[in-house]
PDB file of N, CA and C in Angstrom:
ATOM      1  N   MET A   1     115.601  84.239 115.133  1.00  0.00           N
ATOM      2  CA  MET A   1     114.348  84.669 115.457  1.00  0.00           C
ATOM      3  C   MET A   1     114.522  85.906 115.424  1.00  0.00           C
ATOM      4  N   LEU A   2     115.361  87.363 115.316  1.00  0.00           N
ATOM      5  CA  LEU A   2     116.004  88.577 114.774  1.00  0.00           C
ATOM      6  C   LEU A   2     115.302  89.017 113.538  1.00  0.00           C
ATOM      7  N   GLN A   3     115.701  87.700 112.808  1.00  0.00           N
ATOM      8  CA  GLN A   3     115.574  88.280 111.521  1.00  0.00           C
ATOM      9  C   GLN A   3     114.108  88.383 111.144  1.00  0.00           C
ATOM     10  N   PHE A   4     113.505  87.286 112.122  1.00  0.00           N
ATOM     11  CA  PHE A   4     111.736  87.339 111.883  1.00  0.00           C
ATOM     12  C   PHE A   4     110.956  88.149 112.234  1.00  0.00           C
ATOM     13  N   LEU A   5     111.783  88.432 113.711  1.00  0.00           N
ATOM     14  CA  LEU A   5     110.857  89.558 114.666  1.00  0.00           C
ATOM     15  C   LEU A   5     111.240  91.136 113.263  1.00  0.00           C
ATOM     16  N   LEU A   6     112.737  91.570 112.856  1.00  0.00           N
ATOM     17  CA  LEU A   6     112.276  92.393 111.638  1.00  0.00           C
ATOM     18  C   LEU A   6     111.039  92.705 111.039  1.00  0.00           C
ATOM     19  N   GLY A   7     111.479  91.323 110.196  1.00  0.00           N
ATOM     20  CA  GLY A   7     110.594  90.934 108.987  1.00  0.00           C
ATOM     21  C   GLY A   7     109.210  91.243 109.227  1.00  0.00           C
ATOM     22  N   PHE A   8     108.309  90.377 110.758  1.00  0.00           N
ATOM     23  CA  PHE A   8     107.304  90.670 111.102  1.00  0.00           C
ATOM     24  C   PHE A   8     107.397  92.397 111.410  1.00  0.00           C
ATOM     25  N   THR A   9     107.895  93.086 111.836  1.00  0.00           N
ATOM     26  CA  THR A   9     107.362  94.418 112.169  1.00  0.00           C
ATOM     27  C   THR A   9     107.573  94.885 110.760  1.00  0.00           C
ATOM     28  N   LEU A  10     108.464  94.708 110.328  1.00  0.00           N
ATOM     29  CA  LEU A  10     108.766  95.887 108.485  1.00  0.00           C
ATOM     30  C   LEU A  10     106.633  95.806 107.904  1.00  0.00           C
ATOM     31  N   GLY A  11     107.014  94.148 107.907  1.00  0.00           N
ATOM     32  CA  GLY A  11     105.744  93.573 107.131  1.00  0.00           C
ATOM     33  C   GLY A  11     104.565  94.429 108.022  1.00  0.00           C
ATOM     34  N   ASN A  12     104.188  94.837 109.378  1.00  0.00           N
ATOM     35  CA  ASN A  12     103.763  94.924 110.339  1.00  0.00           C
ATOM     36  C   ASN A  12     103.540  96.727 109.671  1.00  0.00           C
ATOM     37  N   VAL A  13     104.038  97.292 109.230  1.00  0.00           N
ATOM     38  CA  VAL A  13     104.713  98.577 108.675  1.00  0.00           C
ATOM     39  C   VAL A  13     104.039  99.100 107.811  1.00  0.00           C
ATOM     40  N   VAL A  14     104.779  98.342 107.107  1.00  0.00           N
ATOM     41  CA  VAL A  14     104.178  98.516 105.333  1.00  0.00           C
ATOM     42  C   VAL A  14     102.661  98.254 105.106  1.00  0.00           C
ATOM     43  N   GLY A  15     102.156  97.465 105.408  1.00  0.00           N
ATOM     44  CA  GLY A  15     100.637  96.769 105.694  1.00  0.00           C
ATOM     45  C   GLY A  15      99.783  97.962 106.273  1.00  0.00           C
ATOM     46  N   MET A  16     100.236  98.924 107.470  1.00  0.00           N
ATOM     47  CA  MET A  16      99.664 100.097 108.032  1.00  0.00           C
ATOM     48  C   MET A  16      99.481 100.682 106.717  1.00  0.00           C
ATOM     49  N   TYR A  17     100.999 101.102 106.413  1.00  0.00           N
ATOM     50  CA  TYR A  17     100.916 102.253 105.313  1.00  0.00           C
ATOM     51  C   TYR A  17     100.118 102.591 103.952  1.00  0.00           C
ATOM     52  N   LEU A  18     100.309 100.854 103.873  1.00  0.00           N
ATOM     53  CA  LEU A  18      99.467 100.609 102.252  1.00  0.00           C
ATOM     54  C   LEU A  18      98.145 100.437 102.592  1.00  0.00           C
ATOM     55  N   ALA A  19      97.403 100.166 104.425  1.00  0.00           N
ATOM     56  CA  ALA A  19      95.913 100.597 104.473  1.00  0.00           C
ATOM     57  C   ALA A  19      95.813 101.650 103.977  1.00  0.00           C
ATOM     58  N   GLN A  20      96.863 103.138 104.993  1.00  0.00           N
ATOM     59  CA  GLN A  20      96.125 104.486 104.749  1.00  0.00           C
ATOM     60  C   GLN A  20      96.805 105.153 103.744  1.00  0.00           C
ATOM     61  N   ASN A  21      97.550 104.629 102.469  1.00  0.00           N
ATOM     62  CA  ASN A  21      97.210 105.324 101.197  1.00  0.00           C
ATOM     63  C   ASN A  21      97.080 104.521  99.857  1.00  0.00           C
ATOM     64  N   TYR A  22      96.278 103.102 100.533  1.00  0.00           N
ATOM     65  CA  TYR A  22      95.235 102.437  99.509  1.00  0.00           C
ATOM     66  C   TYR A  22      93.955 101.258  99.310  1.00  0.00           C
ATOM     67  N   GLN A  23      94.397 101.054  99.009  1.00  0.00           N
ATOM     68  CA  GLN A  23      92.502 100.081  99.165  1.00  0.00           C
ATOM     69  C   GLN A  23      93.237  98.879 100.284  1.00  0.00           C
ATOM     70  N   VAL A  24      91.931  98.384 101.084  1.00  0.00           N
ATOM     71  CA  VAL A  24      92.628  97.552 102.161  1.00  0.00           C
ATOM     72  C   VAL A  24      93.348  96.067 101.133  1.00  0.00           C
ATOM     73  N   SER A  25      92.367  96.210  99.681  1.00  0.00           N
ATOM     74  CA  SER A  25      92.752  94.854  99.558  1.00  0.00           C
ATOM     75  C   SER A  25      94.177  95.156  99.297  1.00  0.00           C
ATOM     76  N   SER A  26      94.851  95.622  98.851  1.00  0.00           N
ATOM     77  CA  SER A  26      97.005  95.480  99.096  1.00  0.00           C
ATOM     78  C   SER A  26      96.975  95.146  99.970  1.00  0.00           C
ATOM     79  N   LEU A  27      96.785  95.330 101.634  1.00  0.00           N
ATOM     80  CA  LEU A  27      96.944  95.425 102.919  1.00  0.00           C
ATOM     81  C   LEU A  27      96.451  93.582 102.093  1.00  0.00           C
ATOM     82  N   SER A  28      95.468  93.364 101.995  1.00  0.00           N
ATOM     83  CA  SER A  28      95.575  91.745 102.555  1.00  0.00           C
ATOM     84  C   SER A  28      96.530  90.491 101.178  1.00  0.00           C
ATOM     85  N   LEU A  29      96.497  91.373  99.705  1.00  0.00           N
ATOM     86  CA  LEU A  29      97.318  90.425  98.715  1.00  0.00           C
ATOM     87  C   LEU A  29      98.874  90.365  99.318  1.00  0.00           C
ATOM     88  N   LEU A  30      98.961  91.302 100.109  1.00  0.00           N
ATOM     89  CA  LEU A  30     100.112  91.465 100.692  1.00  0.00           C
ATOM     90  C   LEU A  30     100.933  90.290 102.368  1.00  0.00           C
ATOM     91  N   SER A  31      99.174  90.366 102.694  1.00  0.00           N
ATOM     92  CA  SER A  31      99.080  89.500 104.059  1.00  0.00           C
ATOM     93  C   SER A  31      99.218  87.954 103.469  1.00  0.00           C
ATOM     94  N   VAL A  32      99.228  87.494 102.785  1.00  0.00           N
ATOM     95  CA  VAL A  32      98.803  86.305 101.989  1.00  0.00           C
ATOM     96  C   VAL A  32     100.318  85.210 102.086  1.00  0.00           C
ATOM     97  N   PRO A  33     100.677  84.363 102.974  1.00  0.00           N
ATOM     98  CA  PRO A  33     101.743  83.724 103.441  1.00  0.00           C
ATOM     99  C   PRO A  33     102.570  83.003 101.601  1.00  0.00           C
TER     100      PRO A  33
END
């Protein structure tokens, strides 16, 4: 459970970082399960 929470938080942080520095399309590619 903790590992999932950490991965989810890291995914959000990386997604936000990419959204700010790159195109939104990069974020959508990373969010694909």
